Amino acid sequence: MDLQMLTTFFMWCTIFNGGILIFWTGFCLFAPDLVYRTQNAWFPLPRETFNVVIYAFIGAFKLIFLAFSLVPYVAMLMIG
């Protein structure tokens, strides 16, 4: 496995994970009632608790995305 292959791998990881993050955040911003109703059918929670949980999951996913997708991709670009 060479540097070019690793750079391409991290590029596609960044694109996919960034797309998921944007989609998830947009969905929660523009259709919060739909998200709440859908999830409430499986996991009944009060609305305030649900908002905290969703916000925490989005924040955790963003940190994981930055640490394991974007930063390695930028590092590979700098090395190459």
PDB file of N, CA and C in Angstrom:
ATOM      1  N   MET A   1       0.852  -1.158   0.000  1.00  0.00           N
ATOM      2  CA  MET A   1       0.000   0.000   0.000  1.00  0.00           C
ATOM      3  C   MET A   1       0.908   1.233   0.000  1.00  0.00           C
ATOM      4  N   ASP A   2       0.696   2.108  -0.957  1.00  0.00           N
ATOM      5  CA  ASP A   2       1.542   3.286  -1.066  1.00  0.00           C
ATOM      6  C   ASP A   2       0.805   4.529  -0.564  1.00  0.00           C
ATOM      7  N   LEU A   3       1.518   5.643  -0.556  1.00  0.00           N
ATOM      8  CA  LEU A   3       0.979   6.894  -0.039  1.00  0.00           C
ATOM      9  C   LEU A   3      -0.214   7.376  -0.856  1.00  0.00           C
ATOM     10  N   GLN A   4      -0.167   7.203  -2.158  1.00  0.00           N
ATOM     11  CA  GLN A   4      -1.268   7.647  -3.018  1.00  0.00           C
ATOM     12  C   GLN A   4      -2.552   6.872  -2.705  1.00  0.00           C
ATOM     13  N   MET A   5      -2.441   5.584  -2.476  1.00  0.00           N
ATOM     14  CA  MET A   5      -3.609   4.780  -2.154  1.00  0.00           C
ATOM     15  C   MET A   5      -4.203   5.192  -0.805  1.00  0.00           C
ATOM     16  N   LEU A   6      -3.347   5.429   0.191  1.00  0.00           N
ATOM     17  CA  LEU A   6      -3.825   5.879   1.493  1.00  0.00           C
ATOM     18  C   LEU A   6      -4.495   7.249   1.406  1.00  0.00           C
ATOM     19  N   THR A   7      -3.919   8.139   0.621  1.00  0.00           N
ATOM     20  CA  THR A   7      -4.519   9.459   0.434  1.00  0.00           C
ATOM     21  C   THR A   7      -5.885   9.343  -0.213  1.00  0.00           C
ATOM     22  N   THR A   8      -6.004   8.501  -1.207  1.00  0.00           N
ATOM     23  CA  THR A   8      -7.295   8.288  -1.863  1.00  0.00           C
ATOM     24  C   THR A   8      -8.303   7.668  -0.899  1.00  0.00           C
ATOM     25  N   PHE A   9      -7.857   6.716  -0.097  1.00  0.00           N
ATOM     26  CA  PHE A   9      -8.729   6.088   0.897  1.00  0.00           C
ATOM     27  C   PHE A   9      -9.278   7.130   1.870  1.00  0.00           C
ATOM     28  N   PHE A  10      -8.390   7.962   2.419  1.00  0.00           N
ATOM     29  CA  PHE A  10      -8.844   8.969   3.377  1.00  0.00           C
ATOM     30  C   PHE A  10      -9.681  10.055   2.708  1.00  0.00           C
ATOM     31  N   MET A  11      -9.441  10.329   1.438  1.00  0.00           N
ATOM     32  CA  MET A  11     -10.272  11.279   0.716  1.00  0.00           C
ATOM     33  C   MET A  11     -11.706  10.775   0.638  1.00  0.00           C
ATOM     34  N   TRP A  12     -11.872   9.499   0.257  1.00  0.00           N
ATOM     35  CA  TRP A  12     -13.217   8.951   0.142  1.00  0.00           C
ATOM     36  C   TRP A  12     -13.881   8.797   1.505  1.00  0.00           C
ATOM     37  N   CYS A  13     -13.114   8.463   2.542  1.00  0.00           N
ATOM     38  CA  CYS A  13     -13.668   8.418   3.906  1.00  0.00           C
ATOM     39  C   CYS A  13     -14.170   9.791   4.320  1.00  0.00           C
ATOM     40  N   THR A  14     -13.395  10.823   3.998  1.00  0.00           N
ATOM     41  CA  THR A  14     -13.796  12.184   4.343  1.00  0.00           C
ATOM     42  C   THR A  14     -15.051  12.587   3.584  1.00  0.00           C
ATOM     43  N   ILE A  15     -15.133  12.253   2.320  1.00  0.00           N
ATOM     44  CA  ILE A  15     -16.315  12.603   1.524  1.00  0.00           C
ATOM     45  C   ILE A  15     -17.552  11.892   2.061  1.00  0.00           C
ATOM     46  N   PHE A  16     -17.466  10.589   2.289  1.00  0.00           N
ATOM     47  CA  PHE A  16     -18.623   9.841   2.773  1.00  0.00           C
ATOM     48  C   PHE A  16     -19.048  10.281   4.167  1.00  0.00           C
ATOM     49  N   ASN A  17     -18.090  10.367   5.078  1.00  0.00           N
ATOM     50  CA  ASN A  17     -18.424  10.752   6.445  1.00  0.00           C
ATOM     51  C   ASN A  17     -18.898  12.197   6.527  1.00  0.00           C
ATOM     52  N   GLY A  18     -18.304  13.080   5.743  1.00  0.00           N
ATOM     53  CA  GLY A  18     -18.770  14.467   5.701  1.00  0.00           C
ATOM     54  C   GLY A  18     -20.181  14.567   5.149  1.00  0.00           C
ATOM     55  N   GLY A  19     -20.483  13.764   4.139  1.00  0.00           N
ATOM     56  CA  GLY A  19     -21.843  13.737   3.590  1.00  0.00           C
ATOM     57  C   GLY A  19     -22.858  13.256   4.601  1.00  0.00           C
ATOM     58  N   ILE A  20     -22.495  12.220   5.345  1.00  0.00           N
ATOM     59  CA  ILE A  20     -23.388  11.718   6.395  1.00  0.00           C
ATOM     60  C   ILE A  20     -23.608  12.784   7.456  1.00  0.00           C
ATOM     61  N   LEU A  21     -22.546  13.464   7.862  1.00  0.00           N
ATOM     62  CA  LEU A  21     -22.659  14.510   8.882  1.00  0.00           C
ATOM     63  C   LEU A  21     -23.532  15.663   8.397  1.00  0.00           C
ATOM     64  N   ILE A  22     -23.344  16.100   7.182  1.00  0.00           N
ATOM     65  CA  ILE A  22     -24.154  17.186   6.629  1.00  0.00           C
ATOM     66  C   ILE A  22     -25.611  16.761   6.503  1.00  0.00           C
ATOM     67  N   PHE A  23     -25.854  15.552   5.997  1.00  0.00           N
ATOM     68  CA  PHE A  23     -27.221  15.050   5.847  1.00  0.00           C
ATOM     69  C   PHE A  23     -27.915  14.956   7.195  1.00  0.00           C
ATOM     70  N   TRP A  24     -27.241  14.359   8.173  1.00  0.00           N
ATOM     71  CA  TRP A  24     -27.816  14.171   9.504  1.00  0.00           C
ATOM     72  C   TRP A  24     -28.108  15.513  10.180  1.00  0.00           C
ATOM     73  N   THR A  25     -27.157  16.433  10.109  1.00  0.00           N
ATOM     74  CA  THR A  25     -27.352  17.750  10.711  1.00  0.00           C
ATOM     75  C   THR A  25     -28.473  18.509  10.009  1.00  0.00           C
ATOM     76  N   GLY A  26     -28.484  18.466   8.693  1.00  0.00           N
ATOM     77  CA  GLY A  26     -29.543  19.140   7.943  1.00  0.00           C
ATOM     78  C   GLY A  26     -30.911  18.571   8.236  1.00  0.00           C
ATOM     79  N   PHE A  27     -30.990  17.264   8.326  1.00  0.00           N
ATOM     80  CA  PHE A  27     -32.253  16.625   8.629  1.00  0.00           C
ATOM     81  C   PHE A  27     -32.758  17.042  10.007  1.00  0.00           C
ATOM     82  N   CYS A  28     -31.862  17.105  10.978  1.00  0.00           N
ATOM     83  CA  CYS A  28     -32.253  17.499  12.335  1.00  0.00           C
ATOM     84  C   CYS A  28     -32.580  18.983  12.420  1.00  0.00           C
ATOM     85  N   LEU A  29     -31.998  19.811  11.549  1.00  0.00           N
ATOM     86  CA  LEU A  29     -32.295  21.236  11.551  1.00  0.00           C
ATOM     87  C   LEU A  29     -33.593  21.570  10.826  1.00  0.00           C
ATOM     88  N   PHE A  30     -33.832  20.910   9.691  1.00  0.00           N
ATOM     89  CA  PHE A  30     -34.952  21.288   8.846  1.00  0.00           C
ATOM     90  C   PHE A  30     -36.199  20.425   9.028  1.00  0.00           C
ATOM     91  N   ALA A  31     -36.075  19.266   9.664  1.00  0.00           N
ATOM     92  CA  ALA A  31     -37.238  18.403   9.914  1.00  0.00           C
ATOM     93  C   ALA A  31     -37.149  17.791  11.307  1.00  0.00           C
ATOM     94  N   PRO A  32     -37.023  18.619  12.350  1.00  0.00           N
ATOM     95  CA  PRO A  32     -36.833  18.046  13.689  1.00  0.00           C
ATOM     96  C   PRO A  32     -38.049  17.267  14.182  1.00  0.00           C
ATOM     97  N   ASP A  33     -39.240  17.694  13.797  1.00  0.00           N
ATOM     98  CA  ASP A  33     -40.442  16.979  14.240  1.00  0.00           C
ATOM     99  C   ASP A  33     -40.528  15.595  13.615  1.00  0.00           C
ATOM    100  N   LEU A  34     -40.172  15.484  12.353  1.00  0.00           N
ATOM    101  CA  LEU A  34     -40.176  14.186  11.686  1.00  0.00           C
ATOM    102  C   LEU A  34     -39.158  13.247  12.329  1.00  0.00           C
ATOM    103  N   VAL A  35     -37.979  13.752  12.624  1.00  0.00           N
ATOM    104  CA  VAL A  35     -36.952  12.934  13.271  1.00  0.00           C
ATOM    105  C   VAL A  35     -37.444  12.487  14.640  1.00  0.00           C
ATOM    106  N   TYR A  36     -38.031  13.411  15.395  1.00  0.00           N
ATOM    107  CA  TYR A  36     -38.512  13.062  16.732  1.00  0.00           C
ATOM    108  C   TYR A  36     -39.630  12.021  16.670  1.00  0.00           C
ATOM    109  N   ARG A  37     -40.596  12.213  15.789  1.00  0.00           N
ATOM    110  CA  ARG A  37     -41.700  11.244  15.676  1.00  0.00           C
ATOM    111  C   ARG A  37     -41.202   9.870  15.253  1.00  0.00           C
ATOM    112  N   THR A  38     -40.265   9.838  14.306  1.00  0.00           N
ATOM    113  CA  THR A  38     -39.731   8.566  13.834  1.00  0.00           C
ATOM    114  C   THR A  38     -38.986   7.839  14.944  1.00  0.00           C
ATOM    115  N   GLN A  39     -38.124   8.537  15.636  1.00  0.00           N
ATOM    116  CA  GLN A  39     -37.341   7.910  16.693  1.00  0.00           C
ATOM    117  C   GLN A  39     -38.187   7.601  17.929  1.00  0.00           C
ATOM    118  N   ASN A  40     -39.192   8.414  18.179  1.00  0.00           N
ATOM    119  CA  ASN A  40     -40.039   8.215  19.351  1.00  0.00           C
ATOM    120  C   ASN A  40     -40.852   6.928  19.243  1.00  0.00           C
ATOM    121  N   ALA A  41     -41.080   6.450  18.032  1.00  0.00           N
ATOM    122  CA  ALA A  41     -41.788   5.178  17.858  1.00  0.00           C
ATOM    123  C   ALA A  41     -40.948   4.016  18.394  1.00  0.00           C
ATOM    124  N   TRP A  42     -39.622   4.126  18.310  1.00  0.00           N
ATOM    125  CA  TRP A  42     -38.734   3.066  18.785  1.00  0.00           C
ATOM    126  C   TRP A  42     -38.238   3.301  20.204  1.00  0.00           C
ATOM    127  N   PHE A  43     -37.890   4.554  20.486  1.00  0.00           N
ATOM    128  CA  PHE A  43     -37.319   4.912  21.787  1.00  0.00           C
ATOM    129  C   PHE A  43     -38.098   6.074  22.369  1.00  0.00           C
ATOM    130  N   PRO A  44     -39.134   5.797  23.146  1.00  0.00           N
ATOM    131  CA  PRO A  44     -39.933   6.896  23.697  1.00  0.00           C
ATOM    132  C   PRO A  44     -39.142   7.712  24.723  1.00  0.00           C
ATOM    133  N   LEU A  45     -38.895   8.965  24.378  1.00  0.00           N
ATOM    134  CA  LEU A  45     -38.176   9.895  25.240  1.00  0.00           C
ATOM    135  C   LEU A  45     -38.915  11.230  25.239  1.00  0.00           C
ATOM    136  N   PRO A  46     -38.812  11.982  26.327  1.00  0.00           N
ATOM    137  CA  PRO A  46     -39.335  13.349  26.280  1.00  0.00           C
ATOM    138  C   PRO A  46     -38.564  14.174  25.244  1.00  0.00           C
ATOM    139  N   ARG A  47     -39.203  15.181  24.698  1.00  0.00           N
ATOM    140  CA  ARG A  47     -38.600  15.972  23.619  1.00  0.00           C
ATOM    141  C   ARG A  47     -37.287  16.625  24.065  1.00  0.00           C
ATOM    142  N   GLU A  48     -37.227  17.132  25.271  1.00  0.00           N
ATOM    143  CA  GLU A  48     -36.013  17.800  25.744  1.00  0.00           C
ATOM    144  C   GLU A  48     -34.841  16.815  25.828  1.00  0.00           C
ATOM    145  N   THR A  49     -35.105  15.630  26.332  1.00  0.00           N
ATOM    146  CA  THR A  49     -34.064  14.599  26.414  1.00  0.00           C
ATOM    147  C   THR A  49     -33.621  14.180  25.027  1.00  0.00           C
ATOM    148  N   PHE A  50     -34.576  14.031  24.122  1.00  0.00           N
ATOM    149  CA  PHE A  50     -34.265  13.656  22.750  1.00  0.00           C
ATOM    150  C   PHE A  50     -33.356  14.692  22.099  1.00  0.00           C
ATOM    151  N   ASN A  51     -33.649  15.977  22.304  1.00  0.00           N
ATOM    152  CA  ASN A  51     -32.813  17.033  21.719  1.00  0.00           C
ATOM    153  C   ASN A  51     -31.387  16.971  22.243  1.00  0.00           C
ATOM    154  N   VAL A  52     -31.224  16.721  23.527  1.00  0.00           N
ATOM    155  CA  VAL A  52     -29.883  16.620  24.109  1.00  0.00           C
ATOM    156  C   VAL A  52     -29.145  15.413  23.542  1.00  0.00           C
ATOM    157  N   VAL A  53     -29.834  14.287  23.431  1.00  0.00           N
ATOM    158  CA  VAL A  53     -29.198  13.070  22.914  1.00  0.00           C
ATOM    159  C   VAL A  53     -28.769  13.258  21.459  1.00  0.00           C
ATOM    160  N   ILE A  54     -29.641  13.804  20.629  1.00  0.00           N
ATOM    161  CA  ILE A  54     -29.307  14.011  19.215  1.00  0.00           C
ATOM    162  C   ILE A  54     -28.146  14.996  19.079  1.00  0.00           C
ATOM    163  N   TYR A  55     -28.176  16.077  19.863  1.00  0.00           N
ATOM    164  CA  TYR A  55     -27.094  17.050  19.817  1.00  0.00           C
ATOM    165  C   TYR A  55     -25.772  16.410  20.239  1.00  0.00           C
ATOM    166  N   ALA A  56     -25.813  15.579  21.267  1.00  0.00           N
ATOM    167  CA  ALA A  56     -24.600  14.901  21.733  1.00  0.00           C
ATOM    168  C   ALA A  56     -24.073  13.928  20.679  1.00  0.00           C
ATOM    169  N   PHE A  57     -24.963  13.175  20.031  1.00  0.00           N
ATOM    170  CA  PHE A  57     -24.523  12.234  18.996  1.00  0.00           C
ATOM    171  C   PHE A  57     -23.939  12.956  17.792  1.00  0.00           C
ATOM    172  N   ILE A  58     -24.542  14.061  17.389  1.00  0.00           N
ATOM    173  CA  ILE A  58     -23.996  14.817  16.265  1.00  0.00           C
ATOM    174  C   ILE A  58     -22.623  15.372  16.632  1.00  0.00           C
ATOM    175  N   GLY A  59     -22.486  15.877  17.844  1.00  0.00           N
ATOM    176  CA  GLY A  59     -21.187  16.388  18.294  1.00  0.00           C
ATOM    177  C   GLY A  59     -20.129  15.304  18.356  1.00  0.00           C
ATOM    178  N   ALA A  60     -20.495  14.133  18.870  1.00  0.00           N
ATOM    179  CA  ALA A  60     -19.543  13.020  18.939  1.00  0.00           C
ATOM    180  C   ALA A  60     -19.148  12.560  17.535  1.00  0.00           C
ATOM    181  N   PHE A  61     -20.125  12.473  16.635  1.00  0.00           N
ATOM    182  CA  PHE A  61     -19.815  12.061  15.265  1.00  0.00           C
ATOM    183  C   PHE A  61     -18.906  13.081  14.594  1.00  0.00           C
ATOM    184  N   LYS A  62     -19.132  14.366  14.851  1.00  0.00           N
ATOM    185  CA  LYS A  62     -18.290  15.400  14.266  1.00  0.00           C
ATOM    186  C   LYS A  62     -16.851  15.276  14.765  1.00  0.00           C
ATOM    187  N   LEU A  63     -16.668  15.036  16.051  1.00  0.00           N
ATOM    188  CA  LEU A  63     -15.322  14.870  16.590  1.00  0.00           C
ATOM    189  C   LEU A  63     -14.633  13.634  16.007  1.00  0.00           C
ATOM    190  N   ILE A  64     -15.367  12.532  15.901  1.00  0.00           N
ATOM    191  CA  ILE A  64     -14.806  11.308  15.323  1.00  0.00           C
ATOM    192  C   ILE A  64     -14.474  11.523  13.848  1.00  0.00           C
ATOM    193  N   PHE A  65     -15.349  12.227  13.134  1.00  0.00           N
ATOM    194  CA  PHE A  65     -15.106  12.549  11.724  1.00  0.00           C
ATOM    195  C   PHE A  65     -13.826  13.363  11.570  1.00  0.00           C
ATOM    196  N   LEU A  66     -13.670  14.372  12.404  1.00  0.00           N
ATOM    197  CA  LEU A  66     -12.470  15.204  12.312  1.00  0.00           C
ATOM    198  C   LEU A  66     -11.211  14.408  12.642  1.00  0.00           C
ATOM    199  N   ALA A  67     -11.277  13.611  13.709  1.00  0.00           N
ATOM    200  CA  ALA A  67     -10.082  12.909  14.174  1.00  0.00           C
ATOM    201  C   ALA A  67      -9.678  11.751  13.266  1.00  0.00           C
ATOM    202  N   PHE A  68     -10.650  11.054  12.700  1.00  0.00           N
ATOM    203  CA  PHE A  68     -10.317   9.830  11.973  1.00  0.00           C
ATOM    204  C   PHE A  68     -10.507   9.905  10.460  1.00  0.00           C
ATOM    205  N   SER A  69     -11.037  11.004   9.944  1.00  0.00           N
ATOM    206  CA  SER A  69     -11.180  11.137   8.493  1.00  0.00           C
ATOM    207  C   SER A  69     -10.454  12.363   7.960  1.00  0.00           C
ATOM    208  N   LEU A  70     -10.838  13.531   8.464  1.00  0.00           N
ATOM    209  CA  LEU A  70     -10.318  14.772   7.887  1.00  0.00           C
ATOM    210  C   LEU A  70      -8.847  15.008   8.234  1.00  0.00           C
ATOM    211  N   VAL A  71      -8.488  14.855   9.491  1.00  0.00           N
ATOM    212  CA  VAL A  71      -7.096  15.100   9.895  1.00  0.00           C
ATOM    213  C   VAL A  71      -6.123  14.135   9.204  1.00  0.00           C
ATOM    214  N   PRO A  72      -6.410  12.826   9.153  1.00  0.00           N
ATOM    215  CA  PRO A  72      -5.477  11.956   8.407  1.00  0.00           C
ATOM    216  C   PRO A  72      -5.390  12.301   6.919  1.00  0.00           C
ATOM    217  N   TYR A  73      -6.512  12.715   6.320  1.00  0.00           N
ATOM    218  CA  TYR A  73      -6.487  13.094   4.909  1.00  0.00           C
ATOM    219  C   TYR A  73      -5.601  14.318   4.695  1.00  0.00           C
ATOM    220  N   VAL A  74      -5.751  15.324   5.537  1.00  0.00           N
ATOM    221  CA  VAL A  74      -4.919  16.526   5.417  1.00  0.00           C
ATOM    222  C   VAL A  74      -3.445  16.183   5.668  1.00  0.00           C
ATOM    223  N   ALA A  75      -3.191  15.306   6.630  1.00  0.00           N
ATOM    224  CA  ALA A  75      -1.811  14.892   6.898  1.00  0.00           C
ATOM    225  C   ALA A  75      -1.208  14.166   5.688  1.00  0.00           C
ATOM    226  N   MET A  76      -1.994  13.315   5.055  1.00  0.00           N
ATOM    227  CA  MET A  76      -1.497  12.614   3.863  1.00  0.00           C
ATOM    228  C   MET A  76      -1.228  13.589   2.727  1.00  0.00           C
ATOM    229  N   LEU A  77      -2.070  14.610   2.600  1.00  0.00           N
ATOM    230  CA  LEU A  77      -1.823  15.624   1.578  1.00  0.00           C
ATOM    231  C   LEU A  77      -0.539  16.393   1.855  1.00  0.00           C
ATOM    232  N   MET A  78      -0.292  16.667   3.116  1.00  0.00           N
ATOM    233  CA  MET A  78       0.924  17.401   3.483  1.00  0.00           C
ATOM    234  C   MET A  78       2.181  16.553   3.268  1.00  0.00           C
ATOM    235  N   ILE A  79       2.084  15.273   3.546  1.00  0.00           N
ATOM    236  CA  ILE A  79       3.225  14.369   3.356  1.00  0.00           C
ATOM    237  C   ILE A  79       3.532  14.215   1.868  1.00  0.00           C
ATOM    238  N   GLY A  80       2.459  14.028   1.083  1.00  0.00           N
ATOM    239  CA  GLY A  80       2.628  13.781  -0.343  1.00  0.00           C
ATOM    240  C   GLY A  80       3.024  15.014  -1.062  1.00  0.00           C
TER     241      GLY A  80
END
